[in-house]
């Protein structure tokens, strides 16, 4: 068996529903994929239906909130709870309507991700737990799932 170092110059789009640079997301699977592929010389960039600004804000939100005084954090929590609409229980919602909403969301996210991938022109697409992102994904690019 050979101990040759394997390297590649592939351009890889890593699809994820959330930020794959977070080692806690999906037990670290996307994060580990990204690290290993980069260690082999691949150019890896993440693609998500979520705008990059929201991913960055979510990443730093906890740090920023922890810098605020405790009284202010409690006040912000109360405001958020009052502004966030309460969700109906699944028993009260029509199952067919709920299914259509899920499929519509999957279609929109999948089309957005496909557009981002088309713009970047990667050699291959990688991802784990990305079924919903592939729902309406219509590109001629190899996918490693």
C-alpha atoms as a PDB file:
ATOM      1  CA  UNK A   1       0.000   0.000   0.000  1.00  0.00           C
ATOM      2  CA  UNK A   2       1.332   3.427  -0.977  1.00  0.00           C
ATOM      3  CA  UNK A   3       1.636   6.349   1.457  1.00  0.00           C
ATOM      4  CA  UNK A   4       1.411   8.997  -1.262  1.00  0.00           C
ATOM      5  CA  UNK A   5      -0.177  12.250  -0.225  1.00  0.00           C
ATOM      6  CA  UNK A   6      -3.429  12.710  -2.138  1.00  0.00           C
ATOM      7  CA  UNK A   7      -4.138  16.257  -3.306  1.00  0.00           C
ATOM      8  CA  UNK A   8      -6.597  17.836  -5.671  1.00  0.00           C
ATOM      9  CA  UNK A   9      -7.263  21.191  -7.239  1.00  0.00           C
ATOM     10  CA  UNK A  10     -11.017  20.715  -7.453  1.00  0.00           C
ATOM     11  CA  UNK A  11     -13.442  23.535  -6.828  1.00  0.00           C
ATOM     12  CA  UNK A  12     -16.076  22.175  -4.430  1.00  0.00           C
ATOM     13  CA  UNK A  13     -19.395  23.679  -3.377  1.00  0.00           C
ATOM     14  CA  UNK A  14     -20.378  22.430   0.077  1.00  0.00           C
ATOM     15  CA  UNK A  15     -24.162  22.652   0.427  1.00  0.00           C
ATOM     16  CA  UNK A  16     -25.582  23.111   3.905  1.00  0.00           C
ATOM     17  CA  UNK A  17     -28.813  24.302   5.460  1.00  0.00           C
ATOM     18  CA  UNK A  18     -26.811  26.240   8.035  1.00  0.00           C
ATOM     19  CA  UNK A  19     -23.249  27.431   8.548  1.00  0.00           C
ATOM     20  CA  UNK A  20     -20.839  24.493   7.935  1.00  0.00           C
ATOM     21  CA  UNK A  21     -17.977  26.398   9.568  1.00  0.00           C
ATOM     22  CA  UNK A  22     -19.749  25.762  12.887  1.00  0.00           C
ATOM     23  CA  UNK A  23     -18.238  22.540  14.314  1.00  0.00           C
ATOM     24  CA  UNK A  24     -21.438  21.888  16.301  1.00  0.00           C
ATOM     25  CA  UNK A  25     -23.780  21.925  13.284  1.00  0.00           C
ATOM     26  CA  UNK A  26     -24.955  18.371  12.398  1.00  0.00           C
ATOM     27  CA  UNK A  27     -22.442  16.787  14.785  1.00  0.00           C
ATOM     28  CA  UNK A  28     -19.639  18.450  12.870  1.00  0.00           C
ATOM     29  CA  UNK A  29     -20.145  16.450   9.666  1.00  0.00           C
ATOM     30  CA  UNK A  30     -20.156  19.418   7.227  1.00  0.00           C
ATOM     31  CA  UNK A  31     -17.338  21.074   9.182  1.00  0.00           C
ATOM     32  CA  UNK A  32     -15.199  17.915   9.011  1.00  0.00           C
ATOM     33  CA  UNK A  33     -15.946  17.490   5.309  1.00  0.00           C
ATOM     34  CA  UNK A  34     -14.820  21.055   4.663  1.00  0.00           C
ATOM     35  CA  UNK A  35     -11.621  20.660   6.714  1.00  0.00           C
ATOM     36  CA  UNK A  36     -10.605  17.372   5.089  1.00  0.00           C
ATOM     37  CA  UNK A  37     -11.322  18.572   1.552  1.00  0.00           C
ATOM     38  CA  UNK A  38      -9.327  21.759   2.163  1.00  0.00           C
ATOM     39  CA  UNK A  39      -6.441  19.750   3.627  1.00  0.00           C
ATOM     40  CA  UNK A  40      -6.304  17.885   0.297  1.00  0.00           C
ATOM     41  CA  UNK A  41      -5.921  21.143  -1.601  1.00  0.00           C
ATOM     42  CA  UNK A  42      -9.496  21.568  -2.786  1.00  0.00           C
ATOM     43  CA  UNK A  43     -10.998  25.038  -2.998  1.00  0.00           C
ATOM     44  CA  UNK A  44     -14.117  24.609  -0.822  1.00  0.00           C
ATOM     45  CA  UNK A  45     -16.785  27.232  -0.315  1.00  0.00           C
ATOM     46  CA  UNK A  46     -20.086  26.849   1.464  1.00  0.00           C
ATOM     47  CA  UNK A  47     -23.432  27.510  -0.147  1.00  0.00           C
ATOM     48  CA  UNK A  48     -26.597  27.909   1.863  1.00  0.00           C
ATOM     49  CA  UNK A  49     -30.080  29.233   1.120  1.00  0.00           C
ATOM     50  CA  UNK A  50     -29.599  31.518   4.106  1.00  0.00           C
ATOM     51  CA  UNK A  51     -28.010  34.885   3.219  1.00  0.00           C
ATOM     52  CA  UNK A  52     -24.383  35.207   4.381  1.00  0.00           C
ATOM     53  CA  UNK A  53     -25.249  38.256   6.490  1.00  0.00           C
ATOM     54  CA  UNK A  54     -27.684  36.190   8.565  1.00  0.00           C
ATOM     55  CA  UNK A  55     -25.109  33.409   9.033  1.00  0.00           C
ATOM     56  CA  UNK A  56     -22.544  35.926  10.256  1.00  0.00           C
ATOM     57  CA  UNK A  57     -25.038  37.620  12.576  1.00  0.00           C
ATOM     58  CA  UNK A  58     -26.117  34.267  14.022  1.00  0.00           C
ATOM     59  CA  UNK A  59     -22.485  33.277  14.597  1.00  0.00           C
ATOM     60  CA  UNK A  60     -21.693  36.451  16.529  1.00  0.00           C
ATOM     61  CA  UNK A  61     -25.091  37.020  18.159  1.00  0.00           C
ATOM     62  CA  UNK A  62     -24.282  34.971  21.234  1.00  0.00           C
ATOM     63  CA  UNK A  63     -20.941  36.723  21.737  1.00  0.00           C
ATOM     64  CA  UNK A  64     -22.540  40.142  21.439  1.00  0.00           C
ATOM     65  CA  UNK A  65     -25.460  39.261  23.712  1.00  0.00           C
ATOM     66  CA  UNK A  66     -23.100  37.951  26.370  1.00  0.00           C
ATOM     67  CA  UNK A  67     -21.322  41.316  26.430  1.00  0.00           C
ATOM     68  CA  UNK A  68     -24.564  43.113  27.331  1.00  0.00           C
ATOM     69  CA  UNK A  69     -25.615  43.627  30.956  1.00  0.00           C
ATOM     70  CA  UNK A  70     -27.844  40.841  32.298  1.00  0.00           C
ATOM     71  CA  UNK A  71     -30.799  43.180  32.836  1.00  0.00           C
ATOM     72  CA  UNK A  72     -30.683  44.321  29.205  1.00  0.00           C
ATOM     73  CA  UNK A  73     -30.451  40.709  27.952  1.00  0.00           C
ATOM     74  CA  UNK A  74     -33.560  39.809  29.975  1.00  0.00           C
ATOM     75  CA  UNK A  75     -35.388  42.852  28.581  1.00  0.00           C
ATOM     76  CA  UNK A  76     -34.480  41.873  24.990  1.00  0.00           C
ATOM     77  CA  UNK A  77     -35.673  38.325  25.636  1.00  0.00           C
ATOM     78  CA  UNK A  78     -39.085  39.615  26.780  1.00  0.00           C
ATOM     79  CA  UNK A  79     -39.389  41.855  23.724  1.00  0.00           C
ATOM     80  CA  UNK A  80     -38.487  38.982  21.415  1.00  0.00           C
ATOM     81  CA  UNK A  81     -41.050  36.670  23.007  1.00  0.00           C
ATOM     82  CA  UNK A  82     -43.771  39.291  22.531  1.00  0.00           C
ATOM     83  CA  UNK A  83     -42.829  40.012  18.924  1.00  0.00           C
ATOM     84  CA  UNK A  84     -42.491  36.373  17.863  1.00  0.00           C
ATOM     85  CA  UNK A  85     -45.824  34.990  16.692  1.00  0.00           C
ATOM     86  CA  UNK A  86     -46.867  31.827  18.464  1.00  0.00           C
ATOM     87  CA  UNK A  87     -46.998  28.744  16.267  1.00  0.00           C
ATOM     88  CA  UNK A  88     -50.189  26.765  15.991  1.00  0.00           C
ATOM     89  CA  UNK A  89     -49.943  23.228  17.212  1.00  0.00           C
ATOM     90  CA  UNK A  90     -49.686  20.647  14.442  1.00  0.00           C
ATOM     91  CA  UNK A  91     -53.130  19.334  15.429  1.00  0.00           C
ATOM     92  CA  UNK A  92     -54.725  22.679  14.552  1.00  0.00           C
ATOM     93  CA  UNK A  93     -53.088  23.037  11.142  1.00  0.00           C
ATOM     94  CA  UNK A  94     -54.293  21.292   8.007  1.00  0.00           C
ATOM     95  CA  UNK A  95     -51.756  18.505   7.206  1.00  0.00           C
ATOM     96  CA  UNK A  96     -52.058  19.080   3.452  1.00  0.00           C
ATOM     97  CA  UNK A  97     -51.436  22.807   3.874  1.00  0.00           C
ATOM     98  CA  UNK A  98     -48.450  22.096   6.104  1.00  0.00           C
ATOM     99  CA  UNK A  99     -47.048  19.680   3.497  1.00  0.00           C
ATOM    100  CA  UNK A 100     -47.452  22.280   0.727  1.00  0.00           C
ATOM    101  CA  UNK A 101     -45.717  24.918   2.847  1.00  0.00           C
ATOM    102  CA  UNK A 102     -42.770  22.576   3.458  1.00  0.00           C
ATOM    103  CA  UNK A 103     -42.521  21.710  -0.246  1.00  0.00           C
ATOM    104  CA  UNK A 104     -42.719  25.390  -1.250  1.00  0.00           C
ATOM    105  CA  UNK A 105     -39.939  26.259   1.190  1.00  0.00           C
ATOM    106  CA  UNK A 106     -37.827  23.344  -0.096  1.00  0.00           C
ATOM    107  CA  UNK A 107     -38.403  24.440  -3.702  1.00  0.00           C
ATOM    108  CA  UNK A 108     -37.440  28.061  -3.016  1.00  0.00           C
ATOM    109  CA  UNK A 109     -34.324  27.093  -1.052  1.00  0.00           C
ATOM    110  CA  UNK A 110     -33.309  24.529  -3.658  1.00  0.00           C
ATOM    111  CA  UNK A 111     -33.725  26.992  -6.518  1.00  0.00           C
ATOM    112  CA  UNK A 112     -31.736  29.623  -4.607  1.00  0.00           C
ATOM    113  CA  UNK A 113     -28.919  27.173  -3.911  1.00  0.00           C
ATOM    114  CA  UNK A 114     -28.883  25.995  -7.546  1.00  0.00           C
ATOM    115  CA  UNK A 115     -28.585  29.617  -8.681  1.00  0.00           C
ATOM    116  CA  UNK A 116     -25.645  30.194  -6.303  1.00  0.00           C
ATOM    117  CA  UNK A 117     -23.943  26.987  -7.479  1.00  0.00           C
ATOM    118  CA  UNK A 118     -24.502  27.916 -11.132  1.00  0.00           C
ATOM    119  CA  UNK A 119     -22.842  31.283 -10.472  1.00  0.00           C
ATOM    120  CA  UNK A 120     -19.753  29.703  -8.787  1.00  0.00           C
ATOM    121  CA  UNK A 121     -19.336  26.910 -11.393  1.00  0.00           C
ATOM    122  CA  UNK A 122     -17.784  24.255  -9.103  1.00  0.00           C
ATOM    123  CA  UNK A 123     -16.398  20.933 -10.323  1.00  0.00           C
ATOM    124  CA  UNK A 124     -18.482  18.996  -7.806  1.00  0.00           C
ATOM    125  CA  UNK A 125     -21.078  19.556  -5.074  1.00  0.00           C
ATOM    126  CA  UNK A 126     -20.703  17.959  -1.616  1.00  0.00           C
ATOM    127  CA  UNK A 127     -23.175  17.817   1.251  1.00  0.00           C
ATOM    128  CA  UNK A 128     -24.797  15.749   3.951  1.00  0.00           C
ATOM    129  CA  UNK A 129     -28.424  15.944   5.070  1.00  0.00           C
ATOM    130  CA  UNK A 130     -29.244  18.117   2.062  1.00  0.00           C
ATOM    131  CA  UNK A 131     -32.306  16.362   0.622  1.00  0.00           C
ATOM    132  CA  UNK A 132     -34.421  19.510   0.852  1.00  0.00           C
ATOM    133  CA  UNK A 133     -31.691  21.549  -0.874  1.00  0.00           C
ATOM    134  CA  UNK A 134     -31.676  19.076  -3.760  1.00  0.00           C
ATOM    135  CA  UNK A 135     -35.482  19.101  -4.115  1.00  0.00           C
ATOM    136  CA  UNK A 136     -35.560  21.348  -7.217  1.00  0.00           C
ATOM    137  CA  UNK A 137     -31.826  21.291  -7.948  1.00  0.00           C
ATOM    138  CA  UNK A 138     -31.533  21.003 -11.737  1.00  0.00           C
ATOM    139  CA  UNK A 139     -27.865  21.328 -12.636  1.00  0.00           C
ATOM    140  CA  UNK A 140     -25.512  19.036 -14.501  1.00  0.00           C
ATOM    141  CA  UNK A 141     -22.865  18.916 -11.758  1.00  0.00           C
ATOM    142  CA  UNK A 142     -21.767  15.747  -9.918  1.00  0.00           C
ATOM    143  CA  UNK A 143     -23.123  15.552  -6.369  1.00  0.00           C
ATOM    144  CA  UNK A 144     -21.488  13.665  -3.500  1.00  0.00           C
ATOM    145  CA  UNK A 145     -24.236  13.116  -0.945  1.00  0.00           C
END
